[in-house]
Amino acid sequence: MALLDRTFLTDLGIALSDEDYQALSAHFETTLHERVIDEIVDELTPEQAEELAHLQQSDDATLQQWLTTNVSDLDEIVSDEVDILLGEIAENSEAIQGSNE
């Protein structure tokens, strides 16, 4: 499921071409990933951070299990960062729409 969808953008008055929508969606996902990782790392002990660094090349299921076990408020972190990013898009909707014209 896409976290950033066209309905949300349309509700904000943002109409993007398919190419621009794909670019914005990719930017959204990348930014979300970076922000979530930053928040997670801030909560880890040095030992946990080292352990996570060793797991970077692991499959998604292994990483998800480790995160679920070691980051008690993982769902809250992700939810908060999604809300923040969607809010930033809403606040900047005119600029986003303007860059598409």
N, C-alpha and C. Protein backbone atom coordinates (compact mmCIF):
# COMPACT_ATOMS: atom_id res chain seq x y z
N MET A 1 0.84 -1.17 0.00
CA MET A 1 0.00 0.00 0.00
C MET A 1 0.89 1.24 0.00
N ALA A 2 0.61 2.13 -0.91
CA ALA A 2 1.37 3.38 -0.98
C ALA A 2 0.93 4.29 0.16
N LEU A 3 1.89 4.88 0.81
CA LEU A 3 1.58 5.80 1.91
C LEU A 3 1.16 7.16 1.37
N LEU A 4 1.67 7.50 0.22
CA LEU A 4 1.32 8.76 -0.44
C LEU A 4 0.51 8.40 -1.67
N ASP A 5 -0.76 8.76 -1.67
CA ASP A 5 -1.58 8.39 -2.83
C ASP A 5 -2.16 9.62 -3.52
N ARG A 6 -2.63 9.39 -4.71
CA ARG A 6 -3.16 10.49 -5.53
C ARG A 6 -4.38 11.15 -4.89
N THR A 7 -5.20 10.39 -4.18
CA THR A 7 -6.38 10.95 -3.54
C THR A 7 -5.97 12.02 -2.52
N PHE A 8 -4.98 11.73 -1.73
CA PHE A 8 -4.47 12.70 -0.75
C PHE A 8 -4.00 13.96 -1.47
N LEU A 9 -3.24 13.78 -2.53
CA LEU A 9 -2.73 14.93 -3.28
C LEU A 9 -3.86 15.72 -3.92
N THR A 10 -4.83 15.03 -4.50
CA THR A 10 -5.98 15.69 -5.12
C THR A 10 -6.75 16.50 -4.10
N ASP A 11 -6.92 15.93 -2.91
CA ASP A 11 -7.62 16.65 -1.84
C ASP A 11 -6.90 17.94 -1.46
N LEU A 12 -5.59 17.98 -1.69
CA LEU A 12 -4.80 19.18 -1.41
C LEU A 12 -4.75 20.13 -2.61
N GLY A 13 -5.37 19.71 -3.71
CA GLY A 13 -5.35 20.54 -4.91
C GLY A 13 -4.09 20.36 -5.73
N ILE A 14 -3.40 19.23 -5.52
CA ILE A 14 -2.16 18.96 -6.25
C ILE A 14 -2.46 17.95 -7.36
N ALA A 15 -2.24 18.37 -8.59
CA ALA A 15 -2.40 17.49 -9.75
C ALA A 15 -1.03 17.30 -10.38
N LEU A 16 -0.54 16.08 -10.37
CA LEU A 16 0.79 15.80 -10.90
C LEU A 16 0.71 14.83 -12.07
N SER A 17 1.64 14.97 -12.98
CA SER A 17 1.76 13.99 -14.05
C SER A 17 2.21 12.67 -13.42
N ASP A 18 2.08 11.58 -14.15
CA ASP A 18 2.51 10.29 -13.63
C ASP A 18 3.99 10.32 -13.24
N GLU A 19 4.80 10.95 -14.08
CA GLU A 19 6.23 11.04 -13.82
C GLU A 19 6.52 11.83 -12.54
N ASP A 20 5.86 12.97 -12.38
CA ASP A 20 6.06 13.78 -11.18
C ASP A 20 5.53 13.09 -9.93
N TYR A 21 4.41 12.39 -10.08
CA TYR A 21 3.86 11.64 -8.95
C TYR A 21 4.85 10.55 -8.51
N GLN A 22 5.41 9.83 -9.47
CA GLN A 22 6.38 8.77 -9.15
C GLN A 22 7.60 9.36 -8.45
N ALA A 23 8.07 10.52 -8.94
CA ALA A 23 9.23 11.17 -8.32
C ALA A 23 8.92 11.61 -6.89
N LEU A 24 7.75 12.22 -6.69
CA LEU A 24 7.37 12.66 -5.34
C LEU A 24 7.19 11.46 -4.42
N SER A 25 6.58 10.41 -4.92
CA SER A 25 6.36 9.20 -4.12
C SER A 25 7.70 8.57 -3.72
N ALA A 26 8.64 8.49 -4.66
CA ALA A 26 9.96 7.93 -4.35
C ALA A 26 10.68 8.80 -3.32
N HIS A 27 10.59 10.11 -3.47
CA HIS A 27 11.21 11.03 -2.51
C HIS A 27 10.58 10.86 -1.12
N PHE A 28 9.26 10.72 -1.08
CA PHE A 28 8.54 10.52 0.17
C PHE A 28 9.04 9.26 0.87
N GLU A 29 9.11 8.15 0.12
CA GLU A 29 9.54 6.87 0.70
C GLU A 29 10.99 6.94 1.21
N THR A 30 11.86 7.55 0.43
CA THR A 30 13.27 7.67 0.83
C THR A 30 13.40 8.54 2.08
N THR A 31 12.72 9.66 2.09
CA THR A 31 12.77 10.56 3.25
C THR A 31 12.20 9.88 4.48
N LEU A 32 11.09 9.18 4.32
CA LEU A 32 10.50 8.45 5.45
C LEU A 32 11.48 7.43 6.01
N HIS A 33 12.09 6.66 5.13
CA HIS A 33 13.05 5.64 5.56
C HIS A 33 14.19 6.28 6.35
N GLU A 34 14.75 7.36 5.82
CA GLU A 34 15.87 8.03 6.50
C GLU A 34 15.46 8.57 7.87
N ARG A 35 14.29 9.17 7.94
CA ARG A 35 13.84 9.75 9.21
C ARG A 35 13.54 8.67 10.25
N VAL A 36 12.93 7.58 9.82
CA VAL A 36 12.62 6.48 10.74
C VAL A 36 13.92 5.88 11.27
N ILE A 37 14.88 5.64 10.39
CA ILE A 37 16.17 5.10 10.83
C ILE A 37 16.84 6.04 11.83
N ASP A 38 16.83 7.34 11.54
CA ASP A 38 17.43 8.32 12.46
C ASP A 38 16.78 8.24 13.84
N GLU A 39 15.45 8.16 13.87
CA GLU A 39 14.74 8.08 15.15
C GLU A 39 15.06 6.79 15.88
N ILE A 40 15.12 5.69 15.15
CA ILE A 40 15.44 4.40 15.77
C ILE A 40 16.84 4.43 16.37
N VAL A 41 17.81 4.90 15.60
CA VAL A 41 19.20 4.94 16.07
C VAL A 41 19.32 5.80 17.32
N ASP A 42 18.55 6.89 17.39
CA ASP A 42 18.59 7.74 18.58
C ASP A 42 18.16 6.99 19.84
N GLU A 43 17.34 5.97 19.68
CA GLU A 43 16.82 5.24 20.84
C GLU A 43 17.65 4.03 21.23
N LEU A 44 18.58 3.62 20.36
CA LEU A 44 19.34 2.40 20.61
C LEU A 44 20.53 2.65 21.53
N THR A 45 20.88 1.61 22.26
CA THR A 45 22.14 1.64 23.01
C THR A 45 23.27 1.46 21.99
N PRO A 46 24.49 1.81 22.36
CA PRO A 46 25.61 1.59 21.42
C PRO A 46 25.71 0.13 20.97
N GLU A 47 25.44 -0.79 21.87
CA GLU A 47 25.50 -2.21 21.53
C GLU A 47 24.43 -2.58 20.51
N GLN A 48 23.22 -2.06 20.72
CA GLN A 48 22.14 -2.33 19.78
C GLN A 48 22.43 -1.71 18.42
N ALA A 49 22.99 -0.51 18.41
CA ALA A 49 23.33 0.15 17.15
C ALA A 49 24.36 -0.67 16.37
N GLU A 50 25.32 -1.22 17.07
CA GLU A 50 26.33 -2.07 16.43
C GLU A 50 25.67 -3.34 15.89
N GLU A 51 24.79 -3.92 16.67
CA GLU A 51 24.08 -5.13 16.23
C GLU A 51 23.24 -4.84 14.98
N LEU A 52 22.55 -3.71 14.97
CA LEU A 52 21.75 -3.32 13.82
C LEU A 52 22.64 -3.10 12.60
N ALA A 53 23.79 -2.50 12.79
CA ALA A 53 24.71 -2.27 11.67
C ALA A 53 25.13 -3.59 11.03
N HIS A 54 25.32 -4.61 11.85
CA HIS A 54 25.69 -5.92 11.32
C HIS A 54 24.53 -6.60 10.58
N LEU A 55 23.31 -6.19 10.89
CA LEU A 55 22.13 -6.79 10.25
C LEU A 55 21.72 -6.08 8.96
N GLN A 56 22.41 -5.01 8.59
CA GLN A 56 22.00 -4.23 7.42
C GLN A 56 21.89 -5.05 6.15
N GLN A 57 22.69 -6.05 6.00
CA GLN A 57 22.65 -6.86 4.78
C GLN A 57 21.68 -8.04 4.90
N SER A 58 20.98 -8.13 6.01
CA SER A 58 20.03 -9.22 6.23
C SER A 58 18.76 -9.00 5.41
N ASP A 59 17.98 -10.04 5.31
CA ASP A 59 16.70 -9.92 4.60
C ASP A 59 15.72 -9.09 5.42
N ASP A 60 14.67 -8.62 4.75
CA ASP A 60 13.69 -7.74 5.40
C ASP A 60 13.04 -8.38 6.61
N ALA A 61 12.74 -9.67 6.54
CA ALA A 61 12.07 -10.35 7.65
C ALA A 61 12.95 -10.35 8.90
N THR A 62 14.24 -10.60 8.71
CA THR A 62 15.17 -10.62 9.84
C THR A 62 15.29 -9.23 10.46
N LEU A 63 15.41 -8.22 9.61
CA LEU A 63 15.49 -6.85 10.12
C LEU A 63 14.21 -6.45 10.85
N GLN A 64 13.08 -6.78 10.26
CA GLN A 64 11.80 -6.43 10.89
C GLN A 64 11.66 -7.10 12.25
N GLN A 65 12.06 -8.35 12.34
CA GLN A 65 11.98 -9.08 13.62
C GLN A 65 12.89 -8.42 14.66
N TRP A 66 14.10 -8.06 14.25
CA TRP A 66 15.03 -7.43 15.18
C TRP A 66 14.47 -6.09 15.65
N LEU A 67 13.97 -5.29 14.72
CA LEU A 67 13.42 -3.99 15.08
C LEU A 67 12.22 -4.13 16.01
N THR A 68 11.35 -5.06 15.70
CA THR A 68 10.17 -5.29 16.54
C THR A 68 10.57 -5.69 17.95
N THR A 69 11.60 -6.50 18.07
CA THR A 69 12.08 -6.97 19.36
C THR A 69 12.81 -5.87 20.15
N ASN A 70 13.58 -5.03 19.46
CA ASN A 70 14.47 -4.09 20.12
C ASN A 70 14.01 -2.64 20.18
N VAL A 71 12.99 -2.30 19.40
CA VAL A 71 12.49 -0.92 19.39
C VAL A 71 11.01 -0.98 19.79
N SER A 72 10.76 -0.75 21.06
CA SER A 72 9.42 -0.95 21.60
C SER A 72 8.37 -0.04 20.96
N ASP A 73 8.75 1.16 20.56
CA ASP A 73 7.78 2.07 19.98
C ASP A 73 7.97 2.26 18.47
N LEU A 74 8.36 1.18 17.80
CA LEU A 74 8.60 1.22 16.35
C LEU A 74 7.37 1.70 15.58
N ASP A 75 6.21 1.15 15.89
CA ASP A 75 4.99 1.55 15.18
C ASP A 75 4.70 3.04 15.37
N GLU A 76 4.93 3.53 16.58
CA GLU A 76 4.70 4.95 16.87
C GLU A 76 5.68 5.83 16.10
N ILE A 77 6.93 5.41 16.03
CA ILE A 77 7.94 6.17 15.29
C ILE A 77 7.54 6.28 13.82
N VAL A 78 7.17 5.15 13.22
CA VAL A 78 6.78 5.15 11.81
C VAL A 78 5.54 6.02 11.60
N SER A 79 4.55 5.84 12.44
CA SER A 79 3.31 6.60 12.32
C SER A 79 3.56 8.10 12.45
N ASP A 80 4.37 8.49 13.43
CA ASP A 80 4.69 9.90 13.63
C ASP A 80 5.40 10.49 12.42
N GLU A 81 6.36 9.76 11.88
CA GLU A 81 7.12 10.27 10.73
C GLU A 81 6.25 10.35 9.48
N VAL A 82 5.33 9.40 9.29
CA VAL A 82 4.39 9.48 8.16
C VAL A 82 3.53 10.73 8.31
N ASP A 83 2.99 10.94 9.51
CA ASP A 83 2.16 12.12 9.76
C ASP A 83 2.92 13.42 9.51
N ILE A 84 4.16 13.48 9.95
CA ILE A 84 4.98 14.67 9.75
C ILE A 84 5.20 14.93 8.26
N LEU A 85 5.56 13.89 7.53
CA LEU A 85 5.80 14.06 6.10
C LEU A 85 4.54 14.46 5.34
N LEU A 86 3.43 13.83 5.66
CA LEU A 86 2.17 14.20 5.00
C LEU A 86 1.80 15.64 5.34
N GLY A 87 2.06 16.05 6.57
CA GLY A 87 1.82 17.43 6.97
C GLY A 87 2.70 18.41 6.20
N GLU A 88 3.95 18.03 5.99
CA GLU A 88 4.86 18.88 5.23
C GLU A 88 4.38 19.04 3.78
N ILE A 89 3.87 17.96 3.20
CA ILE A 89 3.33 18.04 1.85
C ILE A 89 2.12 18.96 1.83
N ALA A 90 1.25 18.83 2.82
CA ALA A 90 0.06 19.69 2.89
C ALA A 90 0.47 21.15 3.02
N GLU A 91 1.45 21.43 3.88
CA GLU A 91 1.91 22.81 4.09
C GLU A 91 2.54 23.40 2.83
N ASN A 92 3.15 22.55 2.02
CA ASN A 92 3.86 23.01 0.83
C ASN A 92 3.12 22.68 -0.46
N SER A 93 1.81 22.46 -0.35
CA SER A 93 1.05 22.02 -1.53
C SER A 93 1.12 23.03 -2.67
N GLU A 94 1.11 24.32 -2.35
CA GLU A 94 1.18 25.33 -3.41
C GLU A 94 2.52 25.27 -4.13
N ALA A 95 3.59 25.10 -3.40
CA ALA A 95 4.91 25.01 -4.01
C ALA A 95 5.03 23.75 -4.85
N ILE A 96 4.48 22.66 -4.36
CA ILE A 96 4.52 21.40 -5.12
C ILE A 96 3.73 21.54 -6.40
N GLN A 97 2.54 22.09 -6.30
CA GLN A 97 1.72 22.29 -7.49
C GLN A 97 2.39 23.25 -8.44
N GLY A 98 2.97 24.32 -7.90
CA GLY A 98 3.64 25.33 -8.73
C GLY A 98 4.82 24.80 -9.49
N SER A 99 5.54 23.84 -8.90
CA SER A 99 6.72 23.28 -9.57
C SER A 99 6.33 22.36 -10.70
N ASN A 100 5.06 21.96 -10.73
CA ASN A 100 4.57 21.06 -11.76
C ASN A 100 4.02 21.82 -12.96
N GLU A 101 3.79 23.10 -12.82
CA GLU A 101 3.18 23.89 -13.89
C GLU A 101 4.21 24.40 -14.86
